[in-house]
Amino acid sequence: MENTTNLSLPKEKLERDPVKTVILASMMGTAIEFFDFYAYGTASAAYFPSVFFPQTTPLLATLLSLLTFGVAFVARPFGSFLFGHFGDRLGRKKTLVVSLLVMGVATVSIGFIPGYGSIGVWGALLLCLCRFVQGIGLGGEWSGAVLVATENAPEDKRALYGAFPEVGAPIGFFICNGLFFVLENVLTPAQMQSFGWRIPFWASAVLVFIGLYVRRRLQETPLFKLAQERDNTTRSPLREVFKSNWKEIIKGTFLMGATYAMFFTLTTWSLSYATMALGFSHSEFLLLLMGAIVEFAVLIMATSVLADKIGRKKVLMTASVLLVVFSLVFPFFLEGKHNMVGMLLFLGVGFVIMGTLYGPVGAVLPELFPTKVRYSGAGITYNLAAVVGAAVAPTITTWLIAQYGLHSAGLYMFVLALVSVVAWALTPETKDVDYTK
């Protein structure tokens, strides 16, 4: 393969990074993001209730622990404001490097926070602080990664290139799950409670170092360089995007909100519920999740290729309708103690829909916005969707079951899925938009 490739446009010939560099740079950041987030999700479901909230009842401790999980989602829109501003003014590359560094430092720091037994409630407060800073870094991560991919892509392969950072999600989850699985089979429960849960947070430093190395080798994306040459950038990206593209922000938020709710229902909430209520061991359920995550990765790539061929809207509207149905049906899969068949159906069907929703959206959200505000617009939309769909999804689901029983578990996701279907009905196909403008 040649070192560089040319992207032909009507009047300009633009040089872009080699495909291998684009794949690694966009995928690595998202893999690290989801490694970090799932390390926190696993720890908040399985270990944080007793480490940071032992003074409360088990149910309240779980709810409080899952609420700390949501702190980063509240911070993420602020991160998208900050990094979106600089990403649209100074470029994608520099902003991506800084966002990854902020995220990495906060994640490693979580592994050093003393528990309630050492410093009382200060442990939980420090946990929330690190989680907030982690969310700031994450707020600039996804949009920058997908722009590195899609702004280097041929016009007919934007969804495929947009899937590179998306497939980093299952890679990060798989590595994190695998590490927790090994730790829980090597260490005793007491050792895991004492220090074992901290090891994945410390280990993320290695991934961050690799990610920084890869990203420093990137050029600026060709479409941002073209925008600079055409004087098509803006000094106030945030003001511009909220003035000219507020409708796209609203639509994009609800296009993505249900996807986020499903993602953390399938992962963080299901881990907590399966181990506390259904009789699955923690390591046993992690093994099931690892198998489902492989399926998730395959669906991301397959449906992104399909979205390049037949359009984004057909693929994503179909998946959104299926999610409406799944939201009502999945509690029936989880009836009975240690129901292995039901759990395999829950994870298997769930991740088919999840992969179909998550893959093509890496192209769709950036396609809603022009180049001069694309980093800000895509990032704000993605992170507002995280607040709507994921910040409180595990907590609300746990509360619904406690109040109304298992069959109410999908109600929050059901409402968001219905709204998503409406949002897709109001959104035109984006496959053939002029991405250079």
Protein backbone atom coordinates (compact mmCIF):
# COMPACT_ATOMS: atom_id res chain seq x y z
CA MET A 1 0.00 0.00 0.00
CA GLU A 2 1.29 3.47 -0.82
CA ASN A 3 2.12 5.88 1.98
CA THR A 4 -0.55 8.33 0.90
CA THR A 5 -3.74 8.24 -1.09
CA ASN A 6 -5.42 10.94 -3.12
CA LEU A 7 -9.01 12.00 -2.64
CA SER A 8 -10.32 13.56 -5.84
CA LEU A 9 -12.73 16.45 -5.70
CA PRO A 10 -14.08 18.71 -8.45
CA LYS A 11 -11.36 21.37 -8.05
CA GLU A 12 -8.91 20.08 -5.48
CA LYS A 13 -6.77 16.99 -5.03
CA LEU A 14 -6.35 16.30 -1.33
CA GLU A 15 -3.73 14.18 0.37
CA ARG A 16 -4.91 12.04 3.24
CA ASP A 17 -3.36 9.70 5.77
CA PRO A 18 -2.75 6.04 4.88
CA VAL A 19 -5.74 3.82 5.62
CA LYS A 20 -3.82 1.88 8.29
CA THR A 21 -3.00 5.07 10.18
CA VAL A 22 -6.61 6.27 9.96
CA ILE A 23 -7.92 2.94 11.26
CA LEU A 24 -5.49 2.81 14.17
CA ALA A 25 -5.82 6.46 15.18
CA SER A 26 -9.61 6.47 15.12
CA MET A 27 -10.09 2.99 16.54
CA MET A 28 -7.53 3.23 19.35
CA GLY A 29 -9.15 6.23 21.01
CA THR A 30 -12.60 4.67 21.03
CA ALA A 31 -11.20 1.36 22.25
CA ILE A 32 -9.52 3.18 25.14
CA GLU A 33 -12.72 5.15 25.80
CA PHE A 34 -14.83 2.03 26.13
CA PHE A 35 -12.15 0.11 28.02
CA ASP A 36 -12.15 2.93 30.57
CA PHE A 37 -15.91 3.23 30.64
CA TYR A 38 -16.50 -0.48 31.00
CA ALA A 39 -13.85 -0.76 33.69
CA TYR A 40 -15.86 1.87 35.57
CA GLY A 41 -19.18 0.26 34.67
CA THR A 42 -18.03 -3.15 35.91
CA ALA A 43 -16.54 -1.74 39.08
CA SER A 44 -19.59 0.43 39.81
CA ALA A 45 -21.91 -2.57 39.44
CA ALA A 46 -19.81 -5.15 41.29
CA TYR A 47 -17.37 -3.43 43.68
CA PHE A 48 -18.08 0.24 44.33
CA PRO A 49 -21.25 -0.36 46.42
CA SER A 50 -19.22 -2.02 49.17
CA VAL A 51 -15.98 -0.04 48.63
CA PHE A 52 -17.46 3.48 48.65
CA PHE A 53 -21.00 3.09 50.07
CA PRO A 54 -20.86 0.34 52.75
CA GLN A 55 -22.78 2.51 55.24
CA THR A 56 -26.07 2.18 53.29
CA THR A 57 -28.45 -0.65 52.37
CA PRO A 58 -27.38 -2.88 49.43
CA LEU A 59 -30.06 -1.44 47.10
CA LEU A 60 -29.21 2.18 47.97
CA ALA A 61 -25.49 1.44 47.65
CA THR A 62 -26.05 0.04 44.17
CA LEU A 63 -28.19 3.02 43.14
CA LEU A 64 -25.59 5.50 44.45
CA SER A 65 -22.79 3.63 42.75
CA LEU A 66 -24.63 3.62 39.42
CA LEU A 67 -25.33 7.33 39.83
CA THR A 68 -21.59 8.01 39.99
CA PHE A 69 -21.45 6.17 36.66
CA GLY A 70 -23.74 8.87 35.27
CA VAL A 71 -21.52 11.77 36.40
CA ALA A 72 -19.28 11.45 33.33
CA PHE A 73 -22.27 11.63 31.01
CA VAL A 74 -23.31 14.93 32.58
CA ALA A 75 -19.76 16.21 32.02
CA ARG A 76 -19.52 15.02 28.42
CA PRO A 77 -21.52 17.87 26.82
CA PHE A 78 -19.15 20.35 28.49
CA GLY A 79 -16.26 18.40 27.01
CA SER A 80 -17.87 18.54 23.59
CA PHE A 81 -18.29 22.34 23.95
CA LEU A 82 -14.63 22.74 24.91
CA PHE A 83 -13.00 20.32 22.49
CA GLY A 84 -15.50 21.03 19.72
CA HIS A 85 -14.55 24.71 19.86
CA PHE A 86 -10.85 23.98 19.45
CA GLY A 87 -11.41 21.10 17.04
CA ASP A 88 -13.29 23.37 14.64
CA ARG A 89 -10.87 26.29 15.12
CA LEU A 90 -7.44 24.65 15.38
CA GLY A 91 -7.98 21.24 13.82
CA ARG A 92 -8.89 17.65 14.62
CA LYS A 93 -5.43 16.22 15.37
CA LYS A 94 -4.27 18.49 18.24
CA THR A 95 -7.65 18.37 19.91
CA LEU A 96 -7.80 14.57 19.79
CA VAL A 97 -4.39 14.24 21.43
CA VAL A 98 -5.36 16.53 24.34
CA SER A 99 -8.77 14.88 24.88
CA LEU A 100 -7.15 11.44 25.09
CA LEU A 101 -4.58 12.69 27.60
CA VAL A 102 -7.27 14.25 29.85
CA MET A 103 -9.35 11.09 29.73
CA GLY A 104 -6.33 8.87 30.48
CA VAL A 105 -5.08 10.82 33.50
CA ALA A 106 -8.55 10.83 35.08
CA THR A 107 -9.03 7.10 34.50
CA VAL A 108 -5.71 6.07 36.02
CA SER A 109 -6.39 8.33 39.02
CA ILE A 110 -9.60 6.40 39.82
CA GLY A 111 -7.46 3.37 40.56
CA PHE A 112 -5.74 5.23 43.42
CA ILE A 113 -8.80 6.58 45.29
CA PRO A 114 -9.08 5.19 48.86
CA GLY A 115 -12.37 3.60 49.87
CA TYR A 116 -14.89 4.56 52.57
CA GLY A 117 -12.97 2.66 55.22
CA SER A 118 -9.95 4.97 54.77
CA ILE A 119 -11.36 8.44 54.10
CA GLY A 120 -15.13 8.13 54.49
CA VAL A 121 -17.35 10.04 52.07
CA TRP A 122 -14.33 11.83 50.58
CA GLY A 123 -13.68 8.66 48.59
CA ALA A 124 -17.04 8.93 46.83
CA LEU A 125 -16.49 12.66 46.24
CA LEU A 126 -13.07 12.07 44.70
CA LEU A 127 -14.60 9.32 42.59
CA CYS A 128 -17.19 11.77 41.24
CA LEU A 129 -14.50 14.38 40.57
CA CYS A 130 -12.32 11.99 38.56
CA ARG A 131 -15.40 10.72 36.78
CA PHE A 132 -16.35 14.29 35.84
CA VAL A 133 -12.86 15.02 34.45
CA GLN A 134 -12.97 11.71 32.58
CA GLY A 135 -16.26 12.80 31.04
CA ILE A 136 -14.74 16.12 29.93
CA GLY A 137 -12.05 14.23 28.02
CA LEU A 138 -14.54 11.78 26.61
CA GLY A 139 -16.70 14.67 25.41
CA GLY A 140 -14.13 15.50 22.76
CA GLU A 141 -13.08 11.96 21.93
CA TRP A 142 -15.78 10.37 19.80
CA SER A 143 -16.47 13.23 17.42
CA GLY A 144 -12.77 13.76 16.78
CA ALA A 145 -12.24 10.07 16.11
CA VAL A 146 -15.09 9.77 13.61
CA LEU A 147 -13.96 12.93 11.83
CA VAL A 148 -10.43 11.56 11.45
CA ALA A 149 -12.07 8.54 9.81
CA THR A 150 -14.85 10.07 7.72
CA GLU A 151 -12.91 13.16 6.59
CA ASN A 152 -10.27 10.81 5.20
CA ALA A 153 -12.85 8.54 3.53
CA PRO A 154 -13.81 8.17 -0.15
CA GLU A 155 -17.32 9.50 -0.70
CA ASP A 156 -18.84 6.06 -1.22
CA LYS A 157 -17.24 4.54 1.92
CA ARG A 158 -17.94 7.07 4.66
CA ALA A 159 -20.09 4.67 6.70
CA LEU A 160 -17.40 1.98 6.44
CA TYR A 161 -14.67 4.41 7.55
CA GLY A 162 -17.01 5.76 10.23
CA ALA A 163 -17.25 2.20 11.56
CA PHE A 164 -13.51 2.12 12.37
CA PRO A 165 -13.89 4.15 15.58
CA GLU A 166 -17.21 2.42 16.30
CA VAL A 167 -15.63 -1.02 16.25
CA GLY A 168 -13.16 0.26 18.82
CA ALA A 169 -16.04 0.01 21.31
CA PRO A 170 -16.31 -3.81 21.27
CA ILE A 171 -12.50 -4.07 21.19
CA GLY A 172 -12.25 -1.97 24.35
CA PHE A 173 -15.05 -3.94 26.00
CA PHE A 174 -13.48 -7.27 25.04
CA ILE A 175 -10.07 -6.34 26.45
CA CYS A 176 -11.60 -4.99 29.65
CA ASN A 177 -13.92 -7.95 30.12
CA GLY A 178 -11.04 -10.32 29.46
CA LEU A 179 -8.89 -8.59 32.07
CA PHE A 180 -11.65 -8.70 34.69
CA PHE A 181 -12.32 -12.35 33.82
CA VAL A 182 -8.65 -13.27 34.36
CA LEU A 183 -8.40 -11.25 37.56
CA GLU A 184 -11.52 -12.81 39.06
CA ASN A 185 -10.23 -16.30 38.32
CA VAL A 186 -6.74 -15.60 39.71
CA LEU A 187 -7.57 -13.45 42.74
CA THR A 188 -9.88 -14.28 45.64
CA PRO A 189 -13.11 -12.27 46.10
CA ALA A 190 -11.48 -10.49 49.04
CA GLN A 191 -8.47 -9.55 46.92
CA MET A 192 -10.70 -8.28 44.12
CA GLN A 193 -12.60 -6.17 46.64
CA SER A 194 -9.39 -4.87 48.16
CA PHE A 195 -7.21 -4.06 45.13
CA GLY A 196 -8.08 -6.25 42.13
CA TRP A 197 -10.74 -3.89 40.77
CA ARG A 198 -8.09 -1.14 40.59
CA ILE A 199 -5.79 -3.01 38.17
CA PRO A 200 -7.81 -2.28 34.97
CA PHE A 201 -7.72 1.46 35.75
CA TRP A 202 -3.93 1.33 36.13
CA ALA A 203 -3.61 -0.83 33.01
CA SER A 204 -5.39 1.78 30.90
CA ALA A 205 -2.20 3.89 31.10
CA VAL A 206 -0.56 1.48 28.63
CA LEU A 207 -3.41 1.86 26.15
CA VAL A 208 -3.38 5.65 26.48
CA PHE A 209 0.37 5.74 25.75
CA ILE A 210 -0.14 3.67 22.58
CA GLY A 211 -3.05 5.85 21.51
CA LEU A 212 -1.05 9.05 21.97
CA TYR A 213 1.83 7.62 19.95
CA VAL A 214 -0.44 6.69 17.05
CA ARG A 215 -2.33 10.00 17.03
CA ARG A 216 0.80 12.11 17.02
CA ARG A 217 1.65 10.54 13.65
CA LEU A 218 -1.56 11.82 12.06
CA GLN A 219 -1.79 14.68 9.61
CA GLU A 220 -4.65 17.14 9.86
CA THR A 221 -7.71 15.79 8.01
CA PRO A 222 -7.89 16.78 4.33
CA LEU A 223 -11.35 18.29 4.59
CA PHE A 224 -10.37 20.54 7.49
CA LYS A 225 -7.28 21.67 5.55
CA LEU A 226 -9.54 22.37 2.58
CA ALA A 227 -11.87 24.40 4.81
CA GLN A 228 -8.88 26.44 5.98
CA GLU A 229 -7.77 27.05 2.39
CA ARG A 230 -11.28 28.16 1.47
CA ASP A 231 -11.48 30.32 4.61
CA ASN A 232 -14.47 28.23 5.60
CA THR A 233 -13.75 28.01 9.33
CA THR A 234 -15.30 30.09 12.11
CA ARG A 235 -13.93 31.81 15.19
CA SER A 236 -17.06 30.92 17.17
CA PRO A 237 -18.05 27.34 16.30
CA LEU A 238 -20.42 26.96 19.25
CA ARG A 239 -22.36 30.12 18.49
CA GLU A 240 -22.50 29.15 14.81
CA VAL A 241 -23.70 25.59 15.39
CA PHE A 242 -26.45 26.59 17.83
CA LYS A 243 -27.55 29.42 15.55
CA SER A 244 -27.59 27.53 12.24
CA ASN A 245 -27.84 23.83 13.13
CA TRP A 246 -29.94 23.60 16.31
CA LYS A 247 -32.53 21.43 14.57
CA GLU A 248 -29.85 18.91 13.62
CA ILE A 249 -28.61 18.85 17.23
CA ILE A 250 -32.10 18.04 18.51
CA LYS A 251 -32.78 15.39 15.88
CA GLY A 252 -29.36 13.81 16.29
CA THR A 253 -29.72 13.64 20.07
CA PHE A 254 -32.92 11.63 19.80
CA LEU A 255 -31.63 9.53 16.90
CA MET A 256 -28.85 8.35 19.21
CA GLY A 257 -30.46 8.46 22.66
CA ALA A 258 -32.14 5.06 22.52
CA THR A 259 -28.92 3.47 21.25
CA TYR A 260 -27.10 4.64 24.35
CA ALA A 261 -29.88 3.43 26.64
CA MET A 262 -29.71 0.01 25.04
CA PHE A 263 -25.93 -0.16 25.21
CA PHE A 264 -25.72 0.36 28.95
CA THR A 265 -28.78 -1.78 29.62
CA LEU A 266 -27.04 -4.65 27.81
CA THR A 267 -23.77 -4.11 29.66
CA THR A 268 -23.69 -2.21 32.97
CA TRP A 269 -27.26 -2.85 34.15
CA SER A 270 -27.37 -6.48 32.98
CA LEU A 271 -24.11 -7.26 34.80
CA SER A 272 -25.54 -5.91 38.05
CA TYR A 273 -28.91 -7.63 37.64
CA ALA A 274 -27.54 -10.99 36.46
CA THR A 275 -25.16 -11.32 39.38
CA MET A 276 -27.43 -9.91 42.11
CA ALA A 277 -30.83 -11.30 41.10
CA LEU A 278 -30.42 -14.14 38.59
CA GLY A 279 -27.70 -16.24 40.18
CA PHE A 280 -24.95 -15.83 37.58
CA SER A 281 -21.40 -15.54 38.88
CA HIS A 282 -19.52 -12.41 37.88
CA SER A 283 -16.87 -14.24 35.84
CA GLU A 284 -19.53 -16.43 34.18
CA PHE A 285 -21.49 -13.41 33.00
CA LEU A 286 -18.35 -11.65 31.77
CA LEU A 287 -17.65 -14.68 29.60
CA LEU A 288 -21.15 -14.47 28.10
CA LEU A 289 -20.66 -10.76 27.43
CA MET A 290 -17.34 -11.38 25.70
CA GLY A 291 -19.04 -13.73 23.25
CA ALA A 292 -21.81 -11.22 22.60
CA ILE A 293 -19.30 -8.42 22.05
CA VAL A 294 -17.68 -10.35 19.19
CA GLU A 295 -21.13 -10.46 17.59
CA PHE A 296 -21.44 -6.72 18.25
CA ALA A 297 -18.21 -6.00 16.33
CA VAL A 298 -19.29 -8.10 13.33
CA LEU A 299 -22.66 -6.32 13.11
CA ILE A 300 -21.02 -2.88 13.29
CA MET A 301 -18.90 -3.58 10.22
CA ALA A 302 -21.57 -5.46 8.25
CA THR A 303 -24.32 -2.90 8.70
CA SER A 304 -21.95 -0.01 7.93
CA VAL A 305 -21.11 -1.59 4.58
CA LEU A 306 -24.84 -2.04 4.00
CA ALA A 307 -25.47 1.61 4.89
CA ASP A 308 -22.99 2.67 2.18
CA LYS A 309 -24.91 0.58 -0.36
CA ILE A 310 -28.58 1.23 0.42
CA GLY A 311 -28.45 4.30 2.63
CA ARG A 312 -28.22 5.05 6.34
CA LYS A 313 -31.90 5.71 6.97
CA LYS A 314 -33.24 2.31 5.83
CA VAL A 315 -30.77 0.45 8.03
CA LEU A 316 -31.20 2.60 11.12
CA MET A 317 -34.97 3.03 10.91
CA THR A 318 -35.36 -0.76 10.72
CA ALA A 319 -33.13 -1.24 13.74
CA SER A 320 -34.98 1.46 15.71
CA VAL A 321 -38.33 -0.27 15.10
CA LEU A 322 -36.81 -3.56 16.25
CA LEU A 323 -35.58 -1.81 19.39
CA VAL A 324 -39.14 -0.71 20.20
CA VAL A 325 -40.19 -4.37 20.14
CA PHE A 326 -37.10 -5.58 22.02
CA SER A 327 -37.70 -3.05 24.81
CA LEU A 328 -41.02 -4.70 25.61
CA VAL A 329 -39.91 -8.30 25.11
CA PHE A 330 -36.49 -8.61 26.75
CA PRO A 331 -37.72 -8.86 30.39
CA PHE A 332 -39.34 -12.18 29.49
CA PHE A 333 -35.88 -13.52 28.58
CA LEU A 334 -34.66 -12.83 32.11
CA GLU A 335 -37.28 -14.75 34.09
CA GLY A 336 -36.13 -17.50 36.43
CA LYS A 337 -32.88 -18.18 38.23
CA HIS A 338 -29.82 -18.84 36.07
CA ASN A 339 -31.87 -18.99 32.87
CA MET A 340 -29.00 -19.55 30.43
CA VAL A 341 -31.20 -19.83 27.32
CA GLY A 342 -33.01 -16.62 28.17
CA MET A 343 -29.75 -14.78 28.88
CA LEU A 344 -28.26 -15.92 25.57
CA LEU A 345 -31.38 -14.65 23.77
CA PHE A 346 -31.21 -11.34 25.64
CA LEU A 347 -27.56 -10.77 24.76
CA GLY A 348 -27.69 -12.34 21.29
CA VAL A 349 -30.73 -10.49 19.98
CA GLY A 350 -29.79 -7.33 21.86
CA PHE A 351 -26.33 -7.03 20.35
CA VAL A 352 -27.62 -7.71 16.82
CA ILE A 353 -29.85 -4.65 17.17
CA MET A 354 -27.15 -2.71 19.03
CA GLY A 355 -24.52 -3.33 16.35
CA THR A 356 -26.95 -2.30 13.61
CA LEU A 357 -27.73 0.95 15.43
CA TYR A 358 -24.21 1.81 16.47
CA GLY A 359 -22.24 1.13 13.27
CA PRO A 360 -23.70 3.53 10.66
CA VAL A 361 -24.25 6.36 13.17
CA GLY A 362 -20.51 7.09 12.98
CA ALA A 363 -21.21 8.51 9.53
CA VAL A 364 -24.69 9.91 10.13
CA LEU A 365 -24.04 12.38 12.95
CA PRO A 366 -21.09 14.12 11.22
CA GLU A 367 -23.08 14.19 7.96
CA LEU A 368 -25.71 16.35 9.65
CA PHE A 369 -23.23 19.26 9.97
CA PRO A 370 -20.98 21.34 7.66
CA THR A 371 -17.20 21.11 8.00
CA LYS A 372 -16.75 24.37 9.91
CA VAL A 373 -18.90 23.19 12.84
CA ARG A 374 -18.74 19.42 12.34
CA TYR A 375 -16.55 18.66 15.36
CA SER A 376 -18.79 20.77 17.63
CA GLY A 377 -22.09 19.60 16.12
CA ALA A 378 -21.34 15.88 16.05
CA GLY A 379 -19.77 15.98 19.52
CA ILE A 380 -22.57 17.95 21.17
CA THR A 381 -25.19 15.69 19.58
CA TYR A 382 -23.44 12.48 20.56
CA ASN A 383 -22.85 13.58 24.13
CA LEU A 384 -26.33 14.99 24.69
CA ALA A 385 -27.60 11.59 23.52
CA ALA A 386 -25.36 10.05 26.17
CA VAL A 387 -27.01 12.19 28.85
CA VAL A 388 -30.51 11.37 27.63
CA GLY A 389 -29.90 7.69 26.99
CA ALA A 390 -27.18 6.45 29.30
CA ALA A 391 -26.52 8.77 32.25
CA VAL A 392 -29.45 7.45 34.25
CA ALA A 393 -30.48 4.34 32.28
CA PRO A 394 -28.93 1.75 34.65
CA THR A 395 -30.26 3.62 37.71
CA ILE A 396 -33.77 4.12 36.30
CA THR A 397 -33.96 0.48 35.20
CA THR A 398 -32.90 -0.72 38.66
CA TRP A 399 -35.46 1.60 40.28
CA LEU A 400 -38.28 0.53 37.92
CA ILE A 401 -37.72 -3.13 38.75
CA ALA A 402 -37.65 -2.40 42.49
CA GLN A 403 -40.94 -0.51 42.23
CA TYR A 404 -42.90 -2.34 39.53
CA GLY A 405 -41.16 -5.64 38.87
CA LEU A 406 -38.98 -7.10 36.13
CA HIS A 407 -41.43 -6.49 33.26
CA SER A 408 -41.03 -2.74 33.68
CA ALA A 409 -37.28 -2.92 32.99
CA GLY A 410 -37.53 -1.82 29.36
CA LEU A 411 -39.95 1.09 29.75
CA TYR A 412 -37.35 3.85 29.69
CA MET A 413 -35.68 2.36 26.63
CA PHE A 414 -39.09 1.85 24.99
CA VAL A 415 -39.95 5.55 25.26
CA LEU A 416 -36.58 6.59 23.83
CA ALA A 417 -36.91 4.04 21.01
CA LEU A 418 -40.30 5.46 20.01
CA VAL A 419 -38.85 8.97 19.96
CA SER A 420 -35.95 7.68 17.87
CA VAL A 421 -38.34 6.27 15.26
CA VAL A 422 -40.05 9.66 15.04
CA ALA A 423 -36.68 11.41 14.72
CA TRP A 424 -35.66 9.12 11.86
CA ALA A 425 -38.96 9.77 10.11
CA LEU A 426 -38.14 13.50 10.19
CA THR A 427 -34.51 13.12 9.08
CA PRO A 428 -33.61 12.96 5.37
CA GLU A 429 -31.11 10.45 3.98
CA THR A 430 -27.54 11.70 4.49
CA LYS A 431 -25.64 9.23 2.28
CA ASP A 432 -25.20 11.65 -0.64
CA VAL A 433 -24.61 14.94 1.18
CA ASP A 434 -21.68 17.08 -0.03
CA TYR A 435 -19.25 16.36 2.80
CA THR A 436 -16.70 18.92 1.63
CA LYS A 437 -18.90 21.94 2.46
